Amino acid sequence: MDGRYAGEQNRLELMNRKITSDGLQIAPAVLDEFSAIVGEKYAIRDALDMQPFLVEWRDRYRGQAAMVVKPASTEEVSAIMTLASRAGIPIVPQGGNTGLVGGQIPFEAGGEVVLALSRLNRIREVDPQGNCMTVEAGVTLEGAQKAAEDINRLFPLALASQGSCQIGGNLATNAGGTGVLAYGMARDLTLGLEVVLADGRVWNGLRKLRKDNTGYDLRDLFIGSEGTLGIITAAVLKLYPRARESVTAFLGLDSMAAVVDLFGHALERSGSHLTAFEFMPRVGLEFVMKHGADARDPLAAPHQWYVLMEISSGRDDVAEPLLEQIFSQCLAAGIVEDGALARSESQSAALWRLRRLLSEVQKREGGSIKHDVSVPVSQIPLFIERANTVVETLVPGSRPLPFGHLGDGNVHYNVSQPLAMERQTFLARWEEVAAAVHAVVTEMGGSISAEHGIGRMKRQAMAALKDPVELDLMRTLKRSLDPNGILNPGKLL
């Protein structure tokens, strides 16, 4: 590492320390300039009015800010960043505030400005022939799905928080969700971006092209960068034909090994028609039935594990016979113990609701230590077995609740508190439990962040696990695109 690089890193680290501990005092005159850009109504200074922007929905992170600004256009975002760059003001971009690793929350010192993107909420263009649409960062995921549906297309990104999460945040964190098996992550669903840089310049990369080999792919620098390299203000998103037929089954199995066997058989038989394959344990279904209104067990008897499987087709006579054939073959082979097939859209929605309630109902069972990890699909049973052993040894009585997207190896390895333990006592063990689970993941060649990002929560863990060359390259990018260290400082790196 040369002296210039080391000096730059030291400067950025000092900036981070000042933001995260001492705070930065922002002159009232500078706050007035921010207010003039967006209008007094959309420059929030009152502590009570700022609170919804300063608290993570799980209440793990609570920050402070000098102001929350809500721009209505890319031009206003550009003006905000131009001012911030000139004055050295750290900016925290925020979408729907549904992130799970604290990346959207300012630090506790109060010297940052939160830039909330909810007013950038226009669908700029829908192109049915090009199978794409251009939307602004503040459009909710559900709003983007509806815009696609209105022209008989599908935008396949699907998350439990889709009613409130926003496209900008989805792209900044490279969100995954239940459609990754068939369609890929947010990165795979994006053709072009519009980004405001740290100095206020605007990169207009809103191209609709599937093929463009004119140099570096700048788009992929910003997707997944968690607002540390630039602020995404709009995107061109890929659309797909809507399935003419989509059928869902809820299946009961006796082991995770059987779940993996079922996946292999289903993928071999159905190929690209397999559009979802979600798994959950019995304890997860019990939580859903206990706390989810009108939720019930679709099967007659309890099972150790469950799979929610969806098969889709562009024809009317493929998906249902194919799903029935897979079910009957796996039942005869002893892979599946029982199952329920949805015969209507309402029945399918009820089955999907069981899966989508999983995140919400865990809050009703007290403290939950959460991990978003990935391992090779074939290793998931062994990972869960080893992680369960480690966690139950560390905190006897813990209730592991691993669930997720088996087809892409993504396990949400969550751990609910022991019934006899106080919530805060259990949550105080978070770092210890996370380190033990991440050690198992690393030993198995996995990732400590599959789809939620790094944010505040995992930056130290990532620094300890990443290849040093890879970290140096990431820091070089950060230094080049944000030389003053004002874009979401203290996050990711």
Protein backbone atom coordinates (compact mmCIF):
# COMPACT_ATOMS: atom_id res chain seq x y z
CA MET A 1 0.00 0.00 0.00
CA ASP A 2 1.61 3.31 -1.03
CA GLY A 3 1.74 6.35 1.22
CA ARG A 4 -0.87 8.33 -0.72
CA TYR A 5 -3.35 5.44 -0.47
CA ALA A 6 -2.63 4.96 3.25
CA GLY A 7 -3.05 8.66 3.90
CA GLU A 8 -6.38 8.72 2.09
CA GLN A 9 -7.59 5.70 4.05
CA ASN A 10 -6.55 7.31 7.33
CA ARG A 11 -8.47 10.45 6.39
CA LEU A 12 -11.60 8.47 5.56
CA GLU A 13 -11.29 6.46 8.76
CA LEU A 14 -11.01 9.67 10.78
CA MET A 15 -14.13 10.95 9.02
CA ASN A 16 -15.95 7.74 9.89
CA ARG A 17 -14.90 7.93 13.52
CA LYS A 18 -16.04 11.54 13.78
CA ILE A 19 -19.42 10.70 12.30
CA THR A 20 -19.97 7.58 14.38
CA SER A 21 -18.77 8.95 17.72
CA ASP A 22 -18.17 12.70 17.98
CA GLY A 23 -20.69 13.90 15.43
CA LEU A 24 -20.37 16.80 12.99
CA GLN A 25 -21.82 20.19 13.73
CA ILE A 26 -23.71 21.47 10.67
CA ALA A 27 -24.11 25.23 10.54
CA PRO A 28 -27.75 26.42 10.54
CA ALA A 29 -27.04 28.40 7.37
CA VAL A 30 -26.09 25.17 5.56
CA LEU A 31 -29.28 23.48 6.76
CA ASP A 32 -31.17 26.48 5.41
CA GLU A 33 -29.52 25.87 2.02
CA PHE A 34 -30.70 22.25 2.05
CA SER A 35 -34.18 23.46 2.95
CA ALA A 36 -34.18 25.92 0.05
CA ILE A 37 -33.48 23.08 -2.39
CA VAL A 38 -36.46 20.90 -1.43
CA GLY A 39 -38.77 23.46 0.18
CA GLU A 40 -39.40 24.00 3.88
CA LYS A 41 -42.18 21.38 3.98
CA TYR A 42 -39.79 18.67 2.84
CA ALA A 43 -36.83 19.64 5.02
CA ILE A 44 -37.63 18.04 8.36
CA ARG A 45 -35.80 19.32 11.42
CA ASP A 46 -38.23 18.53 14.25
CA ALA A 47 -36.90 15.60 16.30
CA LEU A 48 -40.31 13.92 16.59
CA ASP A 49 -41.08 14.25 12.89
CA MET A 50 -37.68 12.77 12.01
CA GLN A 51 -38.15 9.66 14.18
CA PRO A 52 -39.67 7.36 11.48
CA PHE A 53 -36.50 7.88 9.41
CA LEU A 54 -34.11 7.20 12.29
CA VAL A 55 -35.28 3.83 13.59
CA GLU A 56 -34.87 0.46 11.91
CA TRP A 57 -38.15 -1.50 11.82
CA ARG A 58 -36.71 -4.23 14.06
CA ASP A 59 -35.54 -1.52 16.50
CA ARG A 60 -31.95 -2.76 16.43
CA TYR A 61 -30.59 0.58 15.24
CA ARG A 62 -31.65 4.07 16.39
CA GLY A 63 -29.82 7.07 14.99
CA GLN A 64 -29.92 10.84 15.03
CA ALA A 65 -29.76 13.34 12.16
CA ALA A 66 -29.44 17.06 11.69
CA MET A 67 -32.18 17.00 9.05
CA VAL A 68 -34.22 14.76 6.78
CA VAL A 69 -34.58 16.04 3.22
CA LYS A 70 -37.14 14.68 0.75
CA PRO A 71 -36.28 15.72 -2.81
CA ALA A 72 -38.84 15.38 -5.59
CA SER A 73 -36.52 15.08 -8.58
CA THR A 74 -33.11 13.98 -9.73
CA GLU A 75 -32.19 17.65 -10.10
CA GLU A 76 -32.93 18.25 -6.43
CA VAL A 77 -30.87 15.19 -5.42
CA SER A 78 -28.04 16.58 -7.54
CA ALA A 79 -28.28 19.98 -5.86
CA ILE A 80 -28.27 18.34 -2.42
CA MET A 81 -25.12 16.36 -3.22
CA THR A 82 -23.41 19.40 -4.74
CA LEU A 83 -24.02 21.29 -1.49
CA ALA A 84 -23.04 18.32 0.66
CA SER A 85 -19.80 17.87 -1.28
CA ARG A 86 -18.91 21.55 -0.94
CA ALA A 87 -19.69 21.63 2.80
CA GLY A 88 -18.42 18.15 3.68
CA ILE A 89 -21.82 17.00 4.97
CA PRO A 90 -22.37 13.22 5.23
CA ILE A 91 -25.54 12.00 3.49
CA VAL A 92 -27.47 8.82 4.33
CA PRO A 93 -29.70 7.72 1.40
CA GLN A 94 -32.91 6.00 2.48
CA GLY A 95 -35.70 4.25 0.60
CA GLY A 96 -38.58 2.55 2.38
CA ASN A 97 -36.53 1.95 5.57
CA THR A 98 -37.07 -1.81 5.37
CA GLY A 99 -33.38 -2.76 5.36
CA LEU A 100 -32.23 -5.40 7.83
CA VAL A 101 -28.57 -4.53 8.42
CA GLY A 102 -28.79 -0.86 9.42
CA GLY A 103 -27.45 0.54 6.16
CA GLN A 104 -30.25 3.11 5.89
CA ILE A 105 -30.00 4.44 9.46
CA PRO A 106 -27.68 7.32 10.47
CA PHE A 107 -25.32 6.96 13.40
CA GLU A 108 -26.15 8.11 16.91
CA ALA A 109 -24.00 11.25 16.91
CA GLY A 110 -26.49 13.29 14.86
CA GLY A 111 -24.16 14.90 12.36
CA GLU A 112 -25.66 13.46 9.16
CA VAL A 113 -28.47 14.37 6.78
CA VAL A 114 -30.92 11.66 5.74
CA LEU A 115 -31.94 11.84 2.09
CA ALA A 116 -35.31 10.10 1.78
CA LEU A 117 -36.26 9.20 -1.80
CA SER A 118 -40.00 8.49 -1.42
CA ARG A 119 -41.05 11.56 -3.48
CA LEU A 120 -39.18 10.27 -6.54
CA ASN A 121 -42.13 8.02 -7.27
CA ARG A 122 -42.96 8.33 -10.96
CA ILE A 123 -43.26 5.55 -13.49
CA ARG A 124 -41.46 7.41 -16.27
CA GLU A 125 -42.11 4.95 -19.09
CA VAL A 126 -43.55 1.50 -19.69
CA ASP A 127 -42.39 -0.26 -22.87
CA PRO A 128 -44.40 -3.46 -23.57
CA GLN A 129 -42.60 -4.21 -26.82
CA GLY A 130 -39.18 -3.78 -25.23
CA ASN A 131 -40.32 -5.67 -22.12
CA CYS A 132 -39.00 -3.02 -19.77
CA MET A 133 -40.07 0.02 -17.78
CA THR A 134 -38.29 3.08 -16.38
CA VAL A 135 -39.16 3.92 -12.79
CA GLU A 136 -37.86 6.32 -10.17
CA ALA A 137 -36.15 5.16 -7.01
CA GLY A 138 -39.04 5.97 -4.68
CA VAL A 139 -41.56 3.74 -6.48
CA THR A 140 -42.53 0.91 -4.15
CA LEU A 141 -41.84 -2.63 -5.27
CA GLU A 142 -45.57 -3.29 -5.21
CA GLY A 143 -46.11 -0.22 -7.39
CA ALA A 144 -43.60 -1.52 -9.92
CA GLN A 145 -45.29 -4.93 -9.91
CA LYS A 146 -48.67 -3.26 -10.52
CA ALA A 147 -47.32 -1.14 -13.39
CA ALA A 148 -46.06 -4.31 -15.05
CA GLU A 149 -49.33 -6.13 -14.42
CA ASP A 150 -51.27 -3.28 -16.06
CA ILE A 151 -49.63 -4.14 -19.40
CA ASN A 152 -49.89 -7.90 -18.85
CA ARG A 153 -46.25 -8.26 -17.88
CA LEU A 154 -44.41 -9.53 -14.80
CA PHE A 155 -41.78 -7.79 -12.73
CA PRO A 156 -40.67 -10.85 -10.75
CA LEU A 157 -38.87 -9.35 -7.76
CA ALA A 158 -40.99 -10.37 -4.74
CA LEU A 159 -40.34 -9.59 -1.06
CA ALA A 160 -42.41 -9.71 2.12
CA SER A 161 -41.94 -5.92 2.44
CA GLN A 162 -43.01 -5.15 -1.14
CA GLY A 163 -45.78 -2.79 -0.05
CA SER A 164 -43.27 -0.40 1.53
CA CYS A 165 -39.77 -1.16 0.22
CA GLN A 166 -38.67 0.98 -2.73
CA ILE A 167 -36.92 0.21 -5.99
CA GLY A 168 -33.91 2.38 -5.16
CA GLY A 169 -33.31 0.46 -1.95
CA ASN A 170 -33.93 -2.87 -3.67
CA LEU A 171 -31.19 -2.06 -6.17
CA ALA A 172 -28.81 -0.49 -3.66
CA THR A 173 -28.91 -3.75 -1.66
CA ASN A 174 -29.25 -6.10 -4.67
CA ALA A 175 -32.39 -7.59 -3.15
CA GLY A 176 -33.24 -11.26 -3.70
CA GLY A 177 -36.58 -12.66 -2.57
CA THR A 178 -38.66 -15.62 -3.64
CA GLY A 179 -38.20 -15.26 -7.40
CA VAL A 180 -34.41 -15.62 -7.56
CA LEU A 181 -34.56 -19.28 -8.58
CA ALA A 182 -36.24 -18.43 -11.89
CA TYR A 183 -35.36 -14.78 -12.52
CA GLY A 184 -32.25 -13.87 -10.52
CA MET A 185 -31.60 -11.05 -8.06
CA ALA A 186 -32.26 -7.32 -8.48
CA ARG A 187 -29.02 -6.97 -10.43
CA ASP A 188 -30.27 -9.47 -13.01
CA LEU A 189 -33.54 -7.54 -13.41
CA THR A 190 -31.92 -4.20 -14.24
CA LEU A 191 -30.93 -2.85 -17.67
CA GLY A 192 -29.92 0.70 -16.84
CA LEU A 193 -29.54 3.26 -14.05
CA GLU A 194 -29.60 6.95 -13.36
CA VAL A 195 -27.22 7.81 -10.50
CA VAL A 196 -26.30 11.01 -8.68
CA LEU A 197 -22.62 10.97 -7.72
CA ALA A 198 -21.05 12.27 -4.53
CA ASP A 199 -20.12 15.59 -6.17
CA GLY A 200 -23.61 16.15 -7.57
CA ARG A 201 -22.95 15.06 -11.14
CA VAL A 202 -25.64 12.87 -12.73
CA TRP A 203 -24.80 9.73 -14.69
CA ASN A 204 -27.60 9.00 -17.14
CA GLY A 205 -27.25 5.29 -17.85
CA LEU A 206 -30.96 4.66 -18.47
CA ARG A 207 -30.38 2.35 -21.42
CA LYS A 208 -32.83 -0.35 -22.48
CA LEU A 209 -30.17 -2.47 -24.12
CA ARG A 210 -29.73 -6.18 -23.44
CA LYS A 211 -26.34 -6.03 -25.11
CA ASP A 212 -23.86 -3.21 -24.59
CA ASN A 213 -20.13 -3.97 -24.50
CA THR A 214 -18.87 -0.39 -24.62
CA GLY A 215 -16.44 -0.49 -21.74
CA TYR A 216 -16.86 -1.13 -18.01
CA ASP A 217 -20.32 -2.03 -16.75
CA LEU A 218 -20.82 0.94 -14.42
CA ARG A 219 -24.34 -0.19 -13.62
CA ASP A 220 -23.07 -3.09 -11.56
CA LEU A 221 -20.86 -0.81 -9.48
CA PHE A 222 -23.87 0.90 -7.97
CA ILE A 223 -26.23 -2.07 -7.62
CA GLY A 224 -25.41 -3.60 -4.25
CA SER A 225 -23.22 -0.70 -3.14
CA GLU A 226 -25.70 0.34 -0.41
CA GLY A 227 -25.55 4.05 -1.27
CA THR A 228 -21.80 4.30 -0.62
CA LEU A 229 -20.77 5.03 -4.22
CA GLY A 230 -23.74 6.98 -5.59
CA ILE A 231 -27.48 7.53 -5.16
CA ILE A 232 -29.71 5.60 -7.56
CA THR A 233 -32.54 7.89 -8.67
CA ALA A 234 -34.11 5.83 -11.49
CA ALA A 235 -33.76 2.48 -13.23
CA VAL A 236 -34.78 0.59 -16.34
CA LEU A 237 -36.22 -2.72 -15.16
CA LYS A 238 -36.73 -5.93 -17.12
CA LEU A 239 -40.24 -7.28 -17.58
CA TYR A 240 -41.35 -10.81 -18.46
CA PRO A 241 -44.47 -12.39 -19.95
CA ARG A 242 -47.03 -13.27 -17.29
CA ALA A 243 -47.60 -16.97 -16.76
CA ARG A 244 -50.88 -18.25 -18.13
CA GLU A 245 -50.89 -20.94 -15.48
CA SER A 246 -49.21 -20.99 -12.07
CA VAL A 247 -49.85 -23.68 -9.46
CA THR A 248 -48.67 -23.98 -5.87
CA ALA A 249 -48.21 -26.90 -3.50
CA PHE A 250 -47.47 -27.05 0.22
CA LEU A 251 -45.62 -30.28 1.03
CA GLY A 252 -44.64 -31.97 4.29
CA LEU A 253 -41.31 -33.82 4.66
CA ASP A 254 -39.42 -35.52 7.49
CA SER A 255 -35.89 -34.12 6.98
CA MET A 256 -33.85 -31.43 5.26
CA ALA A 257 -32.18 -34.17 3.24
CA ALA A 258 -35.61 -35.00 1.83
CA VAL A 259 -36.16 -31.31 1.02
CA VAL A 260 -32.95 -31.28 -1.06
CA ASP A 261 -33.97 -34.54 -2.76
CA LEU A 262 -37.36 -33.05 -3.61
CA PHE A 263 -35.69 -29.97 -5.10
CA GLY A 264 -33.44 -32.08 -7.28
CA HIS A 265 -36.35 -34.15 -8.54
CA ALA A 266 -38.57 -31.09 -9.16
CA LEU A 267 -35.83 -29.23 -11.02
CA GLU A 268 -35.02 -32.25 -13.17
CA ARG A 269 -38.67 -32.80 -14.07
CA SER A 270 -39.75 -29.17 -14.55
CA GLY A 271 -36.62 -27.16 -15.45
CA SER A 272 -37.43 -23.50 -15.98
CA HIS A 273 -41.07 -24.10 -15.06
CA LEU A 274 -39.99 -24.30 -11.39
CA THR A 275 -40.44 -20.68 -10.31
CA ALA A 276 -40.31 -20.96 -6.50
CA PHE A 277 -39.04 -23.44 -3.93
CA GLU A 278 -39.25 -22.19 -0.34
CA PHE A 279 -38.65 -24.22 2.83
CA MET A 280 -39.53 -23.75 6.49
CA PRO A 281 -39.39 -25.85 9.69
CA ARG A 282 -42.30 -26.98 11.83
CA VAL A 283 -41.55 -24.33 14.47
CA GLY A 284 -41.96 -21.65 11.79
CA LEU A 285 -45.41 -22.89 10.82
CA GLU A 286 -46.35 -23.07 14.50
CA PHE A 287 -45.34 -19.41 14.95
CA VAL A 288 -47.42 -18.44 11.90
CA MET A 289 -50.51 -20.33 13.14
CA LYS A 290 -50.12 -18.88 16.63
CA HIS A 291 -49.72 -15.23 15.61
CA GLY A 292 -51.06 -14.94 12.04
CA ALA A 293 -54.74 -14.12 11.82
CA ASP A 294 -56.74 -16.98 10.24
CA ALA A 295 -53.57 -18.94 9.43
CA ARG A 296 -54.03 -22.71 9.54
CA ASP A 297 -52.05 -25.86 8.82
CA PRO A 298 -52.91 -27.05 5.28
CA LEU A 299 -51.94 -30.63 6.14
CA ALA A 300 -53.67 -33.15 8.40
CA ALA A 301 -50.64 -34.01 10.56
CA PRO A 302 -47.47 -32.13 11.59
CA HIS A 303 -44.19 -32.63 9.70
CA GLN A 304 -40.61 -31.69 10.52
CA TRP A 305 -40.17 -29.59 7.35
CA TYR A 306 -42.33 -27.95 4.71
CA VAL A 307 -41.80 -26.84 1.12
CA LEU A 308 -43.81 -24.24 -0.77
CA MET A 309 -43.31 -25.05 -4.44
CA GLU A 310 -44.59 -23.17 -7.47
CA ILE A 311 -44.60 -24.26 -11.10
CA SER A 312 -45.56 -21.85 -13.87
CA SER A 313 -46.09 -22.06 -17.61
CA GLY A 314 -46.97 -19.94 -20.60
CA ARG A 315 -49.57 -22.57 -21.54
CA ASP A 316 -52.80 -23.60 -19.80
CA ASP A 317 -52.15 -27.33 -19.65
CA VAL A 318 -48.61 -27.79 -18.36
CA ALA A 319 -48.08 -26.60 -14.78
CA GLU A 320 -50.81 -28.47 -12.90
CA PRO A 321 -50.21 -31.92 -14.47
CA LEU A 322 -46.47 -31.45 -13.98
CA LEU A 323 -46.83 -30.54 -10.31
CA GLU A 324 -49.21 -33.45 -9.70
CA GLN A 325 -46.75 -35.83 -11.36
CA ILE A 326 -43.83 -34.59 -9.24
CA PHE A 327 -45.91 -34.88 -6.08
CA SER A 328 -47.13 -38.40 -6.82
CA GLN A 329 -43.65 -39.64 -7.75
CA CYS A 330 -42.03 -38.16 -4.65
CA LEU A 331 -44.84 -39.47 -2.45
CA ALA A 332 -44.34 -42.97 -3.82
CA ALA A 333 -40.57 -42.70 -3.33
CA GLY A 334 -40.99 -41.67 0.30
CA ILE A 335 -39.43 -38.24 -0.26
CA VAL A 336 -42.67 -36.42 0.54
CA GLU A 337 -45.01 -37.44 3.36
CA ASP A 338 -48.08 -35.36 2.47
CA GLY A 339 -49.11 -32.34 0.49
CA ALA A 340 -51.82 -29.87 -0.43
CA LEU A 341 -52.21 -28.51 -3.96
CA ALA A 342 -53.88 -25.14 -4.46
CA ARG A 343 -56.87 -25.42 -6.78
CA SER A 344 -57.63 -21.69 -7.00
CA GLU A 345 -55.91 -18.32 -6.76
CA SER A 346 -57.31 -17.79 -3.27
CA GLN A 347 -55.92 -21.14 -2.09
CA SER A 348 -52.54 -20.30 -3.60
CA ALA A 349 -52.55 -16.91 -1.88
CA ALA A 350 -53.33 -18.58 1.45
CA LEU A 351 -50.35 -20.92 1.04
CA TRP A 352 -48.02 -18.07 0.12
CA ARG A 353 -49.28 -16.10 3.11
CA LEU A 354 -47.90 -18.80 5.41
CA ARG A 355 -44.44 -18.15 3.98
CA ARG A 356 -44.69 -14.36 3.92
CA LEU A 357 -45.80 -14.13 7.55
CA LEU A 358 -42.64 -15.85 8.80
CA SER A 359 -40.61 -12.68 9.28
CA GLU A 360 -43.44 -10.79 10.98
CA VAL A 361 -44.51 -13.45 13.49
CA GLN A 362 -41.04 -14.03 14.89
CA LYS A 363 -41.27 -10.64 16.63
CA ARG A 364 -44.17 -12.00 18.69
CA GLU A 365 -41.94 -14.73 20.12
CA GLY A 366 -39.48 -12.29 21.70
CA GLY A 367 -35.93 -11.63 20.64
CA SER A 368 -34.68 -13.07 17.36
CA ILE A 369 -31.04 -13.20 16.27
CA LYS A 370 -31.06 -13.23 12.48
CA HIS A 371 -28.60 -14.39 9.85
CA ASP A 372 -28.88 -14.07 6.07
CA VAL A 373 -26.41 -16.61 4.71
CA SER A 374 -25.84 -18.82 1.69
CA VAL A 375 -24.13 -22.18 1.26
CA PRO A 376 -24.09 -24.68 -1.62
CA VAL A 377 -27.56 -26.21 -1.96
CA SER A 378 -26.30 -29.73 -1.31
CA GLN A 379 -24.72 -28.54 1.97
CA ILE A 380 -27.82 -26.91 3.46
CA PRO A 381 -28.84 -29.93 5.62
CA LEU A 382 -25.33 -30.21 7.07
CA PHE A 383 -25.11 -26.46 7.61
CA ILE A 384 -28.39 -26.40 9.55
CA GLU A 385 -27.33 -29.40 11.63
CA ARG A 386 -23.98 -27.85 12.50
CA ALA A 387 -25.38 -24.38 13.15
CA ASN A 388 -28.13 -25.80 15.39
CA THR A 389 -25.52 -27.63 17.45
CA VAL A 390 -23.36 -24.52 17.85
CA VAL A 391 -26.26 -22.23 18.76
CA GLU A 392 -27.91 -24.62 21.21
CA THR A 393 -24.54 -25.13 22.91
CA LEU A 394 -23.97 -21.38 23.25
CA VAL A 395 -27.51 -20.55 24.39
CA PRO A 396 -29.33 -23.65 25.69
CA GLY A 397 -33.04 -23.55 24.95
CA SER A 398 -32.65 -21.41 21.82
CA ARG A 399 -35.18 -22.12 19.09
CA PRO A 400 -33.51 -22.13 15.65
CA LEU A 401 -35.85 -21.21 12.79
CA PRO A 402 -34.00 -21.72 9.49
CA PHE A 403 -36.06 -20.98 6.40
CA GLY A 404 -35.60 -19.50 2.97
CA HIS A 405 -34.96 -19.96 -0.71
CA LEU A 406 -33.50 -23.43 -1.10
CA GLY A 407 -33.02 -23.25 -4.85
CA ASP A 408 -30.39 -20.50 -4.56
CA GLY A 409 -28.84 -21.72 -1.31
CA ASN A 410 -30.09 -18.77 0.75
CA VAL A 411 -30.89 -19.69 4.37
CA HIS A 412 -32.41 -17.16 6.75
CA TYR A 413 -30.94 -18.78 9.83
CA ASN A 414 -32.91 -17.06 12.58
CA VAL A 415 -32.80 -17.98 16.25
CA SER A 416 -35.66 -17.17 18.63
CA GLN A 417 -34.95 -16.66 22.30
CA PRO A 418 -35.36 -19.43 24.89
CA LEU A 419 -38.79 -19.26 26.50
CA ALA A 420 -37.29 -18.73 29.95
CA MET A 421 -34.85 -15.96 28.95
CA GLU A 422 -35.41 -12.21 28.91
CA ARG A 423 -35.43 -10.61 25.46
CA GLN A 424 -32.60 -8.15 26.09
CA THR A 425 -30.46 -10.81 27.77
CA PHE A 426 -30.79 -12.95 24.67
CA LEU A 427 -30.19 -10.11 22.19
CA ALA A 428 -27.04 -9.16 24.10
CA ARG A 429 -25.59 -12.44 22.79
CA TRP A 430 -26.12 -11.38 19.13
CA GLU A 431 -22.47 -10.84 18.19
CA GLU A 432 -21.37 -14.07 19.88
CA VAL A 433 -24.06 -16.16 18.20
CA ALA A 434 -23.54 -14.48 14.82
CA ALA A 435 -19.79 -15.09 14.95
CA ALA A 436 -20.36 -18.79 15.65
CA VAL A 437 -22.90 -19.17 12.82
CA HIS A 438 -20.72 -17.23 10.39
CA ALA A 439 -17.77 -19.47 11.26
CA VAL A 440 -19.80 -22.50 10.17
CA VAL A 441 -20.83 -20.69 6.97
CA THR A 442 -17.25 -19.75 6.15
CA GLU A 443 -15.95 -23.27 6.78
CA MET A 444 -18.52 -24.54 4.28
CA GLY A 445 -17.54 -22.06 1.56
CA GLY A 446 -20.63 -19.88 2.01
CA SER A 447 -21.43 -16.18 2.31
CA ILE A 448 -22.39 -14.23 5.44
CA SER A 449 -24.73 -12.03 3.40
CA ALA A 450 -26.87 -13.62 0.73
CA GLU A 451 -29.39 -10.86 -0.01
CA HIS A 452 -29.65 -8.34 2.86
CA GLY A 453 -26.31 -6.57 2.39
CA ILE A 454 -23.62 -5.51 4.87
CA GLY A 455 -24.73 -2.13 6.26
CA ARG A 456 -23.60 -1.45 9.80
CA MET A 457 -24.23 -4.93 11.10
CA LYS A 458 -21.73 -6.98 9.11
CA ARG A 459 -18.98 -4.59 8.05
CA GLN A 460 -16.47 -5.86 10.61
CA ALA A 461 -17.33 -9.48 9.85
CA MET A 462 -16.92 -8.83 6.12
CA ALA A 463 -13.56 -7.13 6.67
CA ALA A 464 -12.33 -10.16 8.59
CA LEU A 465 -13.47 -12.65 5.95
CA LYS A 466 -12.87 -10.93 2.61
CA ASP A 467 -9.73 -11.47 0.59
CA PRO A 468 -7.38 -8.50 1.26
CA VAL A 469 -7.00 -7.79 -2.45
CA GLU A 470 -10.78 -7.71 -2.85
CA LEU A 471 -11.09 -5.29 0.06
CA ASP A 472 -8.39 -3.05 -1.41
CA LEU A 473 -10.23 -2.96 -4.74
CA MET A 474 -13.48 -2.02 -2.97
CA ARG A 475 -11.73 0.75 -1.05
CA THR A 476 -10.16 2.03 -4.25
CA LEU A 477 -13.61 2.32 -5.83
CA LYS A 478 -14.95 4.10 -2.77
CA ARG A 479 -12.02 6.53 -2.75
CA SER A 480 -12.40 7.26 -6.47
CA LEU A 481 -16.15 7.85 -6.48
CA ASP A 482 -16.51 9.43 -3.03
CA PRO A 483 -13.16 11.08 -2.22
CA ASN A 484 -14.62 13.11 0.67
CA GLY A 485 -16.26 10.07 2.26
CA ILE A 486 -19.73 11.68 2.50
CA LEU A 487 -21.90 8.96 0.96
CA ASN A 488 -23.32 6.73 3.70
CA PRO A 489 -20.07 6.76 5.67
CA GLY A 490 -19.40 3.91 8.08
CA LYS A 491 -21.55 1.49 6.10
CA LEU A 492 -20.39 -1.59 4.17
CA LEU A 493 -16.66 -0.70 4.44
